[in-house]
PDB file of N, CA and C in Angstrom:
ATOM      1  N   MET A   1     -87.745 -39.729 143.532  1.00  0.00           N
ATOM      2  CA  MET A   1     -88.962 -40.839 144.005  1.00  0.00           C
ATOM      3  C   MET A   1     -90.062 -40.512 142.783  1.00  0.00           C
ATOM      4  N   PRO A   2     -90.570 -41.359 141.971  1.00  0.00           N
ATOM      5  CA  PRO A   2     -91.643 -41.138 141.013  1.00  0.00           C
ATOM      6  C   PRO A   2     -92.968 -40.562 141.694  1.00  0.00           C
ATOM      7  N   THR A   3     -93.833 -40.144 141.560  1.00  0.00           N
ATOM      8  CA  THR A   3     -94.932 -39.969 142.090  1.00  0.00           C
ATOM      9  C   THR A   3     -96.120 -40.387 141.358  1.00  0.00           C
ATOM     10  N   ILE A   4     -97.319 -40.974 142.274  1.00  0.00           N
ATOM     11  CA  ILE A   4     -98.336 -41.094 141.671  1.00  0.00           C
ATOM     12  C   ILE A   4     -99.544 -40.305 141.898  1.00  0.00           C
ATOM     13  N   SER A   5    -100.696 -40.690 141.320  1.00  0.00           N
ATOM     14  CA  SER A   5    -101.673 -39.878 142.039  1.00  0.00           C
ATOM     15  C   SER A   5    -103.178 -40.448 141.943  1.00  0.00           C
ATOM     16  N   LEU A   6    -103.879 -40.823 142.852  1.00  0.00           N
ATOM     17  CA  LEU A   6    -105.343 -41.590 142.988  1.00  0.00           C
ATOM     18  C   LEU A   6    -106.417 -40.719 143.308  1.00  0.00           C
ATOM     19  N   SER A   7    -107.450 -41.405 142.374  1.00  0.00           N
ATOM     20  CA  SER A   7    -108.539 -40.540 142.482  1.00  0.00           C
ATOM     21  C   SER A   7    -109.472 -41.041 143.413  1.00  0.00           C
ATOM     22  N   MET A   8    -110.293 -40.375 144.415  1.00  0.00           N
ATOM     23  CA  MET A   8    -111.008 -40.977 145.179  1.00  0.00           C
ATOM     24  C   MET A   8    -112.088 -39.945 145.844  1.00  0.00           C
ATOM     25  N   THR A   9    -113.052 -40.212 146.383  1.00  0.00           N
ATOM     26  CA  THR A   9    -114.327 -39.450 146.623  1.00  0.00           C
ATOM     27  C   THR A   9    -113.688 -38.831 147.989  1.00  0.00           C
ATOM     28  N   LYS A  10    -114.385 -37.697 148.351  1.00  0.00           N
ATOM     29  CA  LYS A  10    -113.990 -37.236 149.591  1.00  0.00           C
ATOM     30  C   LYS A  10    -114.298 -37.885 150.778  1.00  0.00           C
ATOM     31  N   VAL A  11    -115.200 -38.575 150.725  1.00  0.00           N
ATOM     32  CA  VAL A  11    -115.456 -39.664 151.974  1.00  0.00           C
ATOM     33  C   VAL A  11    -114.334 -40.808 151.928  1.00  0.00           C
ATOM     34  N   GLU A  12    -113.800 -41.129 151.104  1.00  0.00           N
ATOM     35  CA  GLU A  12    -113.042 -42.217 150.938  1.00  0.00           C
ATOM     36  C   GLU A  12    -111.782 -41.552 151.360  1.00  0.00           C
ATOM     37  N   LEU A  13    -111.643 -40.369 151.009  1.00  0.00           N
ATOM     38  CA  LEU A  13    -110.252 -39.392 151.575  1.00  0.00           C
ATOM     39  C   LEU A  13    -110.255 -39.163 152.989  1.00  0.00           C
ATOM     40  N   ARG A  14    -111.565 -39.282 153.686  1.00  0.00           N
ATOM     41  CA  ARG A  14    -111.907 -38.742 155.233  1.00  0.00           C
ATOM     42  C   ARG A  14    -111.506 -40.217 155.714  1.00  0.00           C
ATOM     43  N   GLN A  15    -111.801 -41.276 155.291  1.00  0.00           N
ATOM     44  CA  GLN A  15    -111.666 -42.562 155.694  1.00  0.00           C
ATOM     45  C   GLN A  15    -110.394 -42.940 155.947  1.00  0.00           C
ATOM     46  N   LEU A  16    -109.353 -42.532 154.798  1.00  0.00           N
ATOM     47  CA  LEU A  16    -108.198 -42.828 154.737  1.00  0.00           C
ATOM     48  C   LEU A  16    -107.749 -42.186 155.710  1.00  0.00           C
ATOM     49  N   GLU A  17    -107.586 -40.909 155.850  1.00  0.00           N
ATOM     50  CA  GLU A  17    -106.976 -39.924 156.556  1.00  0.00           C
ATOM     51  C   GLU A  17    -107.439 -40.333 157.670  1.00  0.00           C
ATOM     52  N   LYS A  18    -108.241 -40.866 158.262  1.00  0.00           N
ATOM     53  CA  LYS A  18    -108.961 -41.118 159.501  1.00  0.00           C
ATOM     54  C   LYS A  18    -107.713 -42.560 160.144  1.00  0.00           C
ATOM     55  N   MET A  19    -108.163 -43.685 158.897  1.00  0.00           N
ATOM     56  CA  MET A  19    -107.275 -44.787 159.440  1.00  0.00           C
ATOM     57  C   MET A  19    -105.893 -44.463 159.510  1.00  0.00           C
ATOM     58  N   ALA A  20    -105.083 -43.672 158.609  1.00  0.00           N
ATOM     59  CA  ALA A  20    -104.050 -43.549 158.988  1.00  0.00           C
ATOM     60  C   ALA A  20    -103.530 -42.610 160.108  1.00  0.00           C
ATOM     61  N   ASN A  21    -104.149 -41.694 160.572  1.00  0.00           N
ATOM     62  CA  ASN A  21    -104.193 -41.055 161.749  1.00  0.00           C
ATOM     63  C   ASN A  21    -104.567 -41.842 163.209  1.00  0.00           C
ATOM     64  N   GLU A  22    -105.416 -42.884 163.108  1.00  0.00           N
ATOM     65  CA  GLU A  22    -105.185 -43.654 164.345  1.00  0.00           C
ATOM     66  C   GLU A  22    -104.027 -44.870 164.466  1.00  0.00           C
ATOM     67  N   LYS A  23    -103.430 -44.751 163.129  1.00  0.00           N
ATOM     68  CA  LYS A  23    -102.130 -45.864 163.192  1.00  0.00           C
ATOM     69  C   LYS A  23    -100.741 -44.756 163.771  1.00  0.00           C
ATOM     70  N   GLY A  24    -101.048 -43.570 163.447  1.00  0.00           N
ATOM     71  CA  GLY A  24    -100.224 -42.504 163.792  1.00  0.00           C
ATOM     72  C   GLY A  24     -99.163 -42.067 162.515  1.00  0.00           C
ATOM     73  N   MET A  25     -99.759 -42.609 161.305  1.00  0.00           N
ATOM     74  CA  MET A  25     -98.708 -42.322 160.226  1.00  0.00           C
ATOM     75  C   MET A  25     -99.329 -41.455 159.291  1.00  0.00           C
ATOM     76  N   PRO A  26     -98.656 -40.694 158.571  1.00  0.00           N
ATOM     77  CA  PRO A  26     -98.738 -39.865 157.247  1.00  0.00           C
ATOM     78  C   PRO A  26     -99.510 -40.824 156.362  1.00  0.00           C
ATOM     79  N   VAL A  27    -100.549 -40.016 155.480  1.00  0.00           N
ATOM     80  CA  VAL A  27    -101.428 -41.090 154.474  1.00  0.00           C
ATOM     81  C   VAL A  27    -100.479 -41.987 153.785  1.00  0.00           C
ATOM     82  N   GLN A  28     -99.493 -41.219 153.203  1.00  0.00           N
ATOM     83  CA  GLN A  28     -98.675 -42.014 152.150  1.00  0.00           C
ATOM     84  C   GLN A  28     -97.827 -42.733 152.623  1.00  0.00           C
ATOM     85  N   ASP A  29     -97.450 -42.780 153.992  1.00  0.00           N
ATOM     86  CA  ASP A  29     -96.680 -44.059 154.993  1.00  0.00           C
ATOM     87  C   ASP A  29     -97.757 -45.115 155.082  1.00  0.00           C
ATOM     88  N   PHE A  30     -99.270 -44.621 155.066  1.00  0.00           N
ATOM     89  CA  PHE A  30     -99.800 -45.496 155.561  1.00  0.00           C
ATOM     90  C   PHE A  30    -100.476 -46.809 154.594  1.00  0.00           C
ATOM     91  N   ILE A  31    -100.514 -45.455 153.130  1.00  0.00           N
ATOM     92  CA  ILE A  31    -100.839 -46.716 151.830  1.00  0.00           C
ATOM     93  C   ILE A  31     -99.836 -47.438 151.620  1.00  0.00           C
ATOM     94  N   ARG A  32     -98.341 -46.702 151.655  1.00  0.00           N
ATOM     95  CA  ARG A  32     -96.930 -47.926 151.225  1.00  0.00           C
ATOM     96  C   ARG A  32     -97.540 -48.909 152.601  1.00  0.00           C
ATOM     97  N   ALA A  33     -97.552 -49.082 153.802  1.00  0.00           N
ATOM     98  CA  ALA A  33     -97.337 -50.008 154.666  1.00  0.00           C
ATOM     99  C   ALA A  33     -98.642 -51.366 154.709  1.00  0.00           C
ATOM    100  N   LYS A  34     -99.488 -50.544 153.824  1.00  0.00           N
ATOM    101  CA  LYS A  34    -100.963 -51.853 153.466  1.00  0.00           C
ATOM    102  C   LYS A  34    -100.670 -52.225 152.221  1.00  0.00           C
ATOM    103  N   LEU A  35     -99.639 -51.642 151.110  1.00  0.00           N
ATOM    104  CA  LEU A  35     -99.523 -52.010 149.712  1.00  0.00           C
ATOM    105  C   LEU A  35     -97.786 -52.826 150.374  1.00  0.00           C
ATOM    106  N   PHE A  36     -97.185 -52.686 150.734  1.00  0.00           N
ATOM    107  CA  PHE A  36     -96.267 -53.668 151.139  1.00  0.00           C
ATOM    108  C   PHE A  36     -95.818 -53.997 152.264  1.00  0.00           C
ATOM    109  N   PRO A  37     -96.777 -54.865 153.089  1.00  0.00           N
ATOM    110  CA  PRO A  37     -96.621 -55.311 154.579  1.00  0.00           C
ATOM    111  C   PRO A  37     -95.348 -55.925 154.919  1.00  0.00           C
ATOM    112  N   SER A  38     -94.702 -56.630 154.169  1.00  0.00           N
ATOM    113  CA  SER A  38     -93.522 -57.147 154.327  1.00  0.00           C
ATOM    114  C   SER A  38     -92.556 -56.141 154.728  1.00  0.00           C
ATOM    115  N   ARG A  39     -92.076 -54.809 154.156  1.00  0.00           N
ATOM    116  CA  ARG A  39     -91.545 -53.826 154.255  1.00  0.00           C
ATOM    117  C   ARG A  39     -91.220 -53.618 155.825  1.00  0.00           C
ATOM    118  N   LYS A  40     -90.358 -54.131 156.609  1.00  0.00           N
ATOM    119  CA  LYS A  40     -90.708 -53.702 158.338  1.00  0.00           C
ATOM    120  C   LYS A  40     -90.138 -52.495 158.833  1.00  0.00           C
ATOM    121  N   GLU A  41     -89.525 -51.392 157.846  1.00  0.00           N
ATOM    122  CA  GLU A  41     -89.528 -49.888 158.189  1.00  0.00           C
ATOM    123  C   GLU A  41     -90.912 -49.237 158.445  1.00  0.00           C
ATOM    124  N   TYR A  42     -91.843 -49.606 158.736  1.00  0.00           N
ATOM    125  CA  TYR A  42     -93.222 -48.982 158.869  1.00  0.00           C
ATOM    126  C   TYR A  42     -93.595 -49.230 160.333  1.00  0.00           C
ATOM    127  N   THR A  43     -93.100 -50.432 160.935  1.00  0.00           N
ATOM    128  CA  THR A  43     -93.599 -50.780 162.388  1.00  0.00           C
ATOM    129  C   THR A  43     -92.773 -49.974 163.171  1.00  0.00           C
ATOM    130  N   PRO A  44     -91.411 -49.891 162.815  1.00  0.00           N
ATOM    131  CA  PRO A  44     -90.871 -48.875 163.831  1.00  0.00           C
ATOM    132  C   PRO A  44     -90.918 -47.550 163.873  1.00  0.00           C
ATOM    133  N   LEU A  45     -91.442 -46.894 162.657  1.00  0.00           N
ATOM    134  CA  LEU A  45     -91.996 -45.745 162.596  1.00  0.00           C
ATOM    135  C   LEU A  45     -93.446 -45.612 163.241  1.00  0.00           C
ATOM    136  N   LEU A  46     -93.872 -46.517 163.346  1.00  0.00           N
ATOM    137  CA  LEU A  46     -95.220 -46.272 163.841  1.00  0.00           C
ATOM    138  C   LEU A  46     -95.159 -46.170 165.422  1.00  0.00           C
ATOM    139  N   ILE A  47     -94.289 -46.745 166.081  1.00  0.00           N
ATOM    140  CA  ILE A  47     -93.675 -46.969 167.392  1.00  0.00           C
ATOM    141  C   ILE A  47     -93.413 -45.805 167.504  1.00  0.00           C
ATOM    142  N   LEU A  48     -92.221 -45.213 166.989  1.00  0.00           N
ATOM    143  CA  LEU A  48     -91.684 -43.950 167.004  1.00  0.00           C
ATOM    144  C   LEU A  48     -92.465 -42.493 166.961  1.00  0.00           C
ATOM    145  N   LEU A  49     -93.108 -42.944 166.160  1.00  0.00           N
ATOM    146  CA  LEU A  49     -94.236 -41.595 165.644  1.00  0.00           C
ATOM    147  C   LEU A  49     -95.085 -41.625 167.273  1.00  0.00           C
ATOM    148  N   ARG A  50     -95.688 -42.560 167.624  1.00  0.00           N
ATOM    149  CA  ARG A  50     -96.373 -42.871 168.730  1.00  0.00           C
ATOM    150  C   ARG A  50     -95.824 -42.365 169.820  1.00  0.00           C
ATOM    151  N   GLN A  51     -94.608 -42.302 170.318  1.00  0.00           N
ATOM    152  CA  GLN A  51     -93.780 -41.976 171.307  1.00  0.00           C
ATOM    153  C   GLN A  51     -93.870 -40.471 171.280  1.00  0.00           C
ATOM    154  N   VAL A  52     -93.661 -39.813 170.041  1.00  0.00           N
ATOM    155  CA  VAL A  52     -93.248 -38.570 170.069  1.00  0.00           C
ATOM    156  C   VAL A  52     -94.824 -38.049 170.268  1.00  0.00           C
ATOM    157  N   ARG A  53     -95.844 -38.171 169.761  1.00  0.00           N
ATOM    158  CA  ARG A  53     -97.068 -37.917 169.929  1.00  0.00           C
ATOM    159  C   ARG A  53     -97.846 -38.158 171.217  1.00  0.00           C
ATOM    160  N   GLU A  54     -97.163 -39.158 172.254  1.00  0.00           N
ATOM    161  CA  GLU A  54     -97.409 -39.268 173.521  1.00  0.00           C
ATOM    162  C   GLU A  54     -96.706 -38.221 174.645  1.00  0.00           C
ATOM    163  N   GLY A  55     -95.621 -38.032 174.026  1.00  0.00           N
ATOM    164  CA  GLY A  55     -94.662 -37.191 174.754  1.00  0.00           C
ATOM    165  C   GLY A  55     -95.436 -35.574 174.478  1.00  0.00           C
ATOM    166  N   ILE A  56     -95.957 -35.208 173.354  1.00  0.00           N
ATOM    167  CA  ILE A  56     -96.337 -33.943 173.524  1.00  0.00           C
ATOM    168  C   ILE A  56     -97.851 -33.508 174.314  1.00  0.00           C
ATOM    169  N   VAL A  57     -98.412 -35.017 174.566  1.00  0.00           N
ATOM    170  CA  VAL A  57     -99.663 -34.288 175.311  1.00  0.00           C
ATOM    171  C   VAL A  57     -99.293 -34.225 176.502  1.00  0.00           C
ATOM    172  N   GLN A  58     -97.907 -34.506 177.071  1.00  0.00           N
ATOM    173  CA  GLN A  58     -97.404 -33.804 178.260  1.00  0.00           C
ATOM    174  C   GLN A  58     -97.015 -32.903 178.188  1.00  0.00           C
ATOM    175  N   LEU A  59     -96.682 -31.943 177.431  1.00  0.00           N
ATOM    176  CA  LEU A  59     -95.960 -30.629 177.073  1.00  0.00           C
ATOM    177  C   LEU A  59     -97.648 -29.756 177.321  1.00  0.00           C
ATOM    178  N   GLU A  60     -97.098 -28.567 177.765  1.00  0.00           N
ATOM    179  CA  GLU A  60     -97.359 -27.349 178.277  1.00  0.00           C
ATOM    180  C   GLU A  60     -97.679 -26.782 176.986  1.00  0.00           C
ATOM    181  N   ILE A  61     -99.065 -25.804 176.685  1.00  0.00           N
ATOM    182  CA  ILE A  61     -99.165 -25.359 175.741  1.00  0.00           C
ATOM    183  C   ILE A  61     -98.054 -24.206 175.266  1.00  0.00           C
ATOM    184  N   ASP A  62     -97.856 -23.831 174.251  1.00  0.00           N
ATOM    185  CA  ASP A  62     -96.370 -22.856 174.025  1.00  0.00           C
ATOM    186  C   ASP A  62     -95.125 -23.180 174.399  1.00  0.00           C
ATOM    187  N   ASP A  63     -95.292 -24.648 174.870  1.00  0.00           N
ATOM    188  CA  ASP A  63     -93.724 -25.320 175.032  1.00  0.00           C
ATOM    189  C   ASP A  63     -92.823 -25.375 173.977  1.00  0.00           C
ATOM    190  N   LYS A  64     -91.538 -25.272 173.527  1.00  0.00           N
ATOM    191  CA  LYS A  64     -91.076 -25.911 172.185  1.00  0.00           C
ATOM    192  C   LYS A  64     -90.503 -27.117 172.797  1.00  0.00           C
ATOM    193  N   PHE A  65     -90.257 -27.568 170.999  1.00  0.00           N
ATOM    194  CA  PHE A  65     -89.623 -29.164 171.548  1.00  0.00           C
ATOM    195  C   PHE A  65     -88.711 -29.523 170.254  1.00  0.00           C
ATOM    196  N   SER A  66     -87.888 -30.350 170.078  1.00  0.00           N
ATOM    197  CA  SER A  66     -87.523 -31.272 169.107  1.00  0.00           C
ATOM    198  C   SER A  66     -87.591 -32.510 169.017  1.00  0.00           C
ATOM    199  N   ILE A  67     -87.801 -33.497 168.275  1.00  0.00           N
ATOM    200  CA  ILE A  67     -88.170 -34.893 168.252  1.00  0.00           C
ATOM    201  C   ILE A  67     -87.207 -35.520 169.246  1.00  0.00           C
ATOM    202  N   PRO A  68     -85.956 -35.380 169.236  1.00  0.00           N
ATOM    203  CA  PRO A  68     -85.263 -36.123 170.256  1.00  0.00           C
ATOM    204  C   PRO A  68     -85.566 -35.791 171.581  1.00  0.00           C
ATOM    205  N   ASP A  69     -86.151 -34.964 171.946  1.00  0.00           N
ATOM    206  CA  ASP A  69     -86.488 -34.798 173.157  1.00  0.00           C
ATOM    207  C   ASP A  69     -87.218 -35.814 173.998  1.00  0.00           C
ATOM    208  N   PHE A  70     -87.756 -36.415 172.963  1.00  0.00           N
ATOM    209  CA  PHE A  70     -88.868 -37.713 173.655  1.00  0.00           C
ATOM    210  C   PHE A  70     -88.444 -38.928 173.956  1.00  0.00           C
ATOM    211  N   PHE A  71     -87.021 -38.876 173.670  1.00  0.00           N
ATOM    212  CA  PHE A  71     -86.152 -39.862 173.639  1.00  0.00           C
ATOM    213  C   PHE A  71     -84.717 -39.967 174.441  1.00  0.00           C
ATOM    214  N   THR A  72     -84.549 -40.887 175.233  1.00  0.00           N
ATOM    215  CA  THR A  72     -83.436 -40.855 176.036  1.00  0.00           C
ATOM    216  C   THR A  72     -82.208 -40.928 174.880  1.00  0.00           C
ATOM    217  N   ASP A  73     -81.061 -40.193 175.445  1.00  0.00           N
ATOM    218  CA  ASP A  73     -80.171 -40.465 174.628  1.00  0.00           C
ATOM    219  C   ASP A  73     -79.507 -41.710 174.037  1.00  0.00           C
ATOM    220  N   GLU A  74     -79.895 -42.766 174.914  1.00  0.00           N
ATOM    221  CA  GLU A  74     -79.490 -44.121 174.247  1.00  0.00           C
ATOM    222  C   GLU A  74     -80.170 -44.741 173.090  1.00  0.00           C
ATOM    223  N   GLN A  75     -81.870 -44.160 173.418  1.00  0.00           N
ATOM    224  CA  GLN A  75     -82.666 -44.561 172.463  1.00  0.00           C
ATOM    225  C   GLN A  75     -82.340 -43.887 171.352  1.00  0.00           C
ATOM    226  N   TRP A  76     -82.099 -42.599 171.151  1.00  0.00           N
ATOM    227  CA  TRP A  76     -82.058 -41.742 169.801  1.00  0.00           C
ATOM    228  C   TRP A  76     -80.680 -42.318 169.002  1.00  0.00           C
ATOM    229  N   GLU A  77     -79.476 -42.318 170.049  1.00  0.00           N
ATOM    230  CA  GLU A  77     -78.887 -42.747 169.517  1.00  0.00           C
ATOM    231  C   GLU A  77     -78.334 -44.182 168.772  1.00  0.00           C
ATOM    232  N   ARG A  78     -79.420 -45.142 169.150  1.00  0.00           N
ATOM    233  CA  ARG A  78     -79.269 -46.141 169.025  1.00  0.00           C
ATOM    234  C   ARG A  78     -80.364 -46.374 167.128  1.00  0.00           C
ATOM    235  N   LEU A  79     -81.152 -45.243 166.987  1.00  0.00           N
ATOM    236  CA  LEU A  79     -81.581 -44.862 165.442  1.00  0.00           C
ATOM    237  C   LEU A  79     -80.670 -44.794 164.716  1.00  0.00           C
ATOM    238  N   THR A  80     -80.699 -45.656 163.390  1.00  0.00           N
ATOM    239  CA  THR A  80     -80.038 -44.911 162.593  1.00  0.00           C
ATOM    240  C   THR A  80     -79.894 -43.421 162.048  1.00  0.00           C
ATOM    241  N   VAL A  81     -79.509 -43.321 161.231  1.00  0.00           N
ATOM    242  CA  VAL A  81     -79.463 -41.557 160.824  1.00  0.00           C
ATOM    243  C   VAL A  81     -80.876 -41.482 159.691  1.00  0.00           C
ATOM    244  N   GLY A  82     -80.752 -42.807 159.291  1.00  0.00           N
ATOM    245  CA  GLY A  82     -82.294 -42.793 158.055  1.00  0.00           C
ATOM    246  C   GLY A  82     -83.312 -42.921 158.860  1.00  0.00           C
ATOM    247  N   ASP A  83     -83.676 -43.724 159.874  1.00  0.00           N
ATOM    248  CA  ASP A  83     -84.261 -44.012 160.596  1.00  0.00           C
ATOM    249  C   ASP A  83     -85.036 -42.275 161.673  1.00  0.00           C
ATOM    250  N   ARG A  84     -83.816 -41.513 161.886  1.00  0.00           N
ATOM    251  CA  ARG A  84     -84.439 -40.526 162.528  1.00  0.00           C
ATOM    252  C   ARG A  84     -84.710 -39.785 161.384  1.00  0.00           C
ATOM    253  N   LEU A  85     -84.113 -39.374 160.037  1.00  0.00           N
ATOM    254  CA  LEU A  85     -84.756 -38.643 159.201  1.00  0.00           C
ATOM    255  C   LEU A  85     -86.173 -39.000 158.763  1.00  0.00           C
ATOM    256  N   ARG A  86     -86.320 -40.523 158.416  1.00  0.00           N
ATOM    257  CA  ARG A  86     -87.844 -41.197 158.467  1.00  0.00           C
ATOM    258  C   ARG A  86     -88.808 -40.368 159.014  1.00  0.00           C
ATOM    259  N   LEU A  87     -88.532 -40.201 160.526  1.00  0.00           N
ATOM    260  CA  LEU A  87     -89.214 -40.232 161.939  1.00  0.00           C
ATOM    261  C   LEU A  87     -89.536 -38.645 161.771  1.00  0.00           C
ATOM    262  N   GLY A  88     -88.472 -37.844 161.065  1.00  0.00           N
ATOM    263  CA  GLY A  88     -88.620 -36.308 161.037  1.00  0.00           C
ATOM    264  C   GLY A  88     -89.395 -35.628 159.807  1.00  0.00           C
ATOM    265  N   ARG A  89     -89.344 -36.274 158.776  1.00  0.00           N
ATOM    266  CA  ARG A  89     -90.141 -35.896 157.661  1.00  0.00           C
ATOM    267  C   ARG A  89     -91.847 -36.600 157.875  1.00  0.00           C
ATOM    268  N   ALA A  90     -91.670 -37.969 158.351  1.00  0.00           N
ATOM    269  CA  ALA A  90     -93.368 -38.391 158.671  1.00  0.00           C
ATOM    270  C   ALA A  90     -93.956 -37.346 159.605  1.00  0.00           C
ATOM    271  N   PHE A  91     -93.204 -36.903 160.537  1.00  0.00           N
ATOM    272  CA  PHE A  91     -93.795 -36.050 161.692  1.00  0.00           C
ATOM    273  C   PHE A  91     -94.002 -34.588 160.810  1.00  0.00           C
ATOM    274  N   LYS A  92     -93.170 -34.323 160.153  1.00  0.00           N
ATOM    275  CA  LYS A  92     -93.330 -32.886 159.686  1.00  0.00           C
ATOM    276  C   LYS A  92     -94.674 -33.133 158.656  1.00  0.00           C
ATOM    277  N   ARG A  93     -94.569 -34.102 157.663  1.00  0.00           N
ATOM    278  CA  ARG A  93     -96.098 -34.585 156.636  1.00  0.00           C
ATOM    279  C   ARG A  93     -96.825 -34.360 157.917  1.00  0.00           C
ATOM    280  N   MET A  94     -97.061 -35.084 158.837  1.00  0.00           N
ATOM    281  CA  MET A  94     -98.497 -35.153 159.336  1.00  0.00           C
ATOM    282  C   MET A  94     -98.694 -33.622 159.939  1.00  0.00           C
ATOM    283  N   ILE A  95     -97.621 -32.898 160.750  1.00  0.00           N
ATOM    284  CA  ILE A  95     -98.119 -31.303 160.794  1.00  0.00           C
ATOM    285  C   ILE A  95     -98.828 -30.933 159.420  1.00  0.00           C
ATOM    286  N   ASP A  96     -98.612 -30.999 158.531  1.00  0.00           N
ATOM    287  CA  ASP A  96     -98.470 -29.701 157.075  1.00  0.00           C
ATOM    288  C   ASP A  96     -99.682 -30.443 156.772  1.00  0.00           C
ATOM    289  N   SER A  97     -99.983 -31.570 156.774  1.00  0.00           N
ATOM    290  CA  SER A  97    -101.025 -32.156 156.291  1.00  0.00           C
ATOM    291  C   SER A  97    -102.470 -31.798 157.344  1.00  0.00           C
ATOM    292  N   GLY A  98    -102.343 -31.664 158.517  1.00  0.00           N
ATOM    293  CA  GLY A  98    -103.389 -31.519 159.778  1.00  0.00           C
ATOM    294  C   GLY A  98    -103.810 -32.880 160.395  1.00  0.00           C
ATOM    295  N   ASP A  99    -102.881 -33.554 160.264  1.00  0.00           N
ATOM    296  CA  ASP A  99    -103.156 -35.004 160.793  1.00  0.00           C
ATOM    297  C   ASP A  99    -102.570 -34.603 162.349  1.00  0.00           C
ATOM    298  N   ILE A 100    -101.557 -34.015 162.816  1.00  0.00           N
ATOM    299  CA  ILE A 100    -101.150 -33.415 164.129  1.00  0.00           C
ATOM    300  C   ILE A 100    -101.679 -31.790 164.100  1.00  0.00           C
ATOM    301  N   ASP A 101    -103.109 -31.769 164.780  1.00  0.00           N
ATOM    302  CA  ASP A 101    -103.108 -29.998 164.164  1.00  0.00           C
ATOM    303  C   ASP A 101    -102.678 -29.230 165.650  1.00  0.00           C
ATOM    304  N   ASN A 102    -102.163 -30.092 166.991  1.00  0.00           N
ATOM    305  CA  ASN A 102    -101.805 -29.398 167.669  1.00  0.00           C
ATOM    306  C   ASN A 102    -100.389 -29.008 167.802  1.00  0.00           C
ATOM    307  N   VAL A 103     -99.537 -28.835 166.964  1.00  0.00           N
ATOM    308  CA  VAL A 103     -97.846 -28.666 166.884  1.00  0.00           C
ATOM    309  C   VAL A 103     -98.015 -27.688 165.494  1.00  0.00           C
ATOM    310  N   THR A 104     -96.990 -26.428 165.919  1.00  0.00           N
ATOM    311  CA  THR A 104     -96.706 -25.694 164.778  1.00  0.00           C
ATOM    312  C   THR A 104     -95.135 -26.014 164.552  1.00  0.00           C
ATOM    313  N   PHE A 105     -94.700 -25.894 163.264  1.00  0.00           N
ATOM    314  CA  PHE A 105     -93.334 -25.593 163.243  1.00  0.00           C
ATOM    315  C   PHE A 105     -92.786 -24.208 163.412  1.00  0.00           C
ATOM    316  N   GLU A 106     -91.884 -24.773 164.163  1.00  0.00           N
ATOM    317  CA  GLU A 106     -91.110 -23.135 164.241  1.00  0.00           C
ATOM    318  C   GLU A 106     -89.871 -22.614 163.482  1.00  0.00           C
ATOM    319  N   GLY A 107     -89.399 -23.823 162.980  1.00  0.00           N
ATOM    320  CA  GLY A 107     -87.910 -23.365 162.416  1.00  0.00           C
ATOM    321  C   GLY A 107     -86.862 -24.487 162.488  1.00  0.00           C
ATOM    322  N   LYS A 108     -85.780 -24.048 162.297  1.00  0.00           N
ATOM    323  CA  LYS A 108     -84.461 -24.793 162.586  1.00  0.00           C
ATOM    324  C   LYS A 108     -83.342 -24.286 163.499  1.00  0.00           C
ATOM    325  N   THR A 109     -82.789 -25.199 164.081  1.00  0.00           N
ATOM    326  CA  THR A 109     -81.347 -24.516 164.825  1.00  0.00           C
ATOM    327  C   THR A 109     -80.361 -24.258 163.722  1.00  0.00           C
ATOM    328  N   SER A 110     -79.375 -24.111 164.530  1.00  0.00           N
ATOM    329  CA  SER A 110     -78.391 -23.810 163.765  1.00  0.00           C
ATOM    330  C   SER A 110     -77.551 -25.323 163.106  1.00  0.00           C
ATOM    331  N   ALA A 111     -78.001 -26.325 163.954  1.00  0.00           N
ATOM    332  CA  ALA A 111     -77.488 -27.326 163.749  1.00  0.00           C
ATOM    333  C   ALA A 111     -78.328 -28.448 162.881  1.00  0.00           C
ATOM    334  N   ASN A 112     -79.412 -27.573 162.108  1.00  0.00           N
ATOM    335  CA  ASN A 112     -80.199 -28.080 161.556  1.00  0.00           C
ATOM    336  C   ASN A 112     -81.315 -28.782 162.068  1.00  0.00           C
ATOM    337  N   LEU A 113     -81.833 -28.586 163.362  1.00  0.00           N
ATOM    338  CA  LEU A 113     -82.643 -29.669 164.278  1.00  0.00           C
ATOM    339  C   LEU A 113     -84.405 -28.851 163.856  1.00  0.00           C
ATOM    340  N   ALA A 114     -85.116 -29.160 163.742  1.00  0.00           N
ATOM    341  CA  ALA A 114     -86.254 -28.880 163.763  1.00  0.00           C
ATOM    342  C   ALA A 114     -86.938 -28.315 165.108  1.00  0.00           C
ATOM    343  N   VAL A 115     -87.354 -27.241 165.099  1.00  0.00           N
ATOM    344  CA  VAL A 115     -88.063 -27.191 166.504  1.00  0.00           C
ATOM    345  C   VAL A 115     -89.626 -26.811 166.183  1.00  0.00           C
ATOM    346  N   TYR A 116     -90.291 -27.470 167.239  1.00  0.00           N
ATOM    347  CA  TYR A 116     -91.982 -27.220 167.014  1.00  0.00           C
ATOM    348  C   TYR A 116     -92.438 -26.548 168.465  1.00  0.00           C
ATOM    349  N   ARG A 117     -93.526 -26.202 168.376  1.00  0.00           N
ATOM    350  CA  ARG A 117     -94.314 -25.978 169.533  1.00  0.00           C
ATOM    351  C   ARG A 117     -95.795 -26.444 169.650  1.00  0.00           C
ATOM    352  N   ARG A 118     -96.080 -26.668 171.163  1.00  0.00           N
ATOM    353  CA  ARG A 118     -97.388 -27.290 171.286  1.00  0.00           C
ATOM    354  C   ARG A 118     -98.640 -26.092 171.262  1.00  0.00           C
ATOM    355  N   SER A 119     -99.144 -26.074 170.260  1.00  0.00           N
ATOM    356  CA  SER A 119    -100.343 -24.863 170.317  1.00  0.00           C
ATOM    357  C   SER A 119    -101.244 -25.013 170.609  1.00  0.00           C
ATOM    358  N   LYS A 120    -101.848 -26.274 171.356  1.00  0.00           N
ATOM    359  CA  LYS A 120    -103.238 -26.574 171.974  1.00  0.00           C
ATOM    360  C   LYS A 120    -103.236 -27.616 172.628  1.00  0.00           C
TER     361      LYS A 120
END
C-alpha cells in the first residue's frame, strides 16, 4: 500500500489524535474515514473497537486477554477473517501509538493469536 506523509503543527496533531481517540480509532483510520465517508468498513470497526475497549475496563489490572474474549462465539464467527484482522491491526496500532495506554502487548500464542495485558 502506498504511503503519504502530512505535515502539521503539534497542536494540530494533538487535536487530530484527540478526535481519533474519541471515536476509538487509530489516527490513520480516522483520516481515511473522514476522507472516504462512503466506505462502510470503518463504521463496523468503530463499533468493534468500542466493544473491546469497554471490555478492557471490566478487567482487573494484570489480567491477560485476547480480542475474541470480548465477543460471544457467535459474534466472533460472524466476523469475516478480514474484519478480524482489521480489528486486530487497528487495536495494536492504538496500543503502539499510545491511544490506548492501559494495555500492553504480551506476545502471540502458538495459534498466532495476540495476547494483551491490562496494565492500569
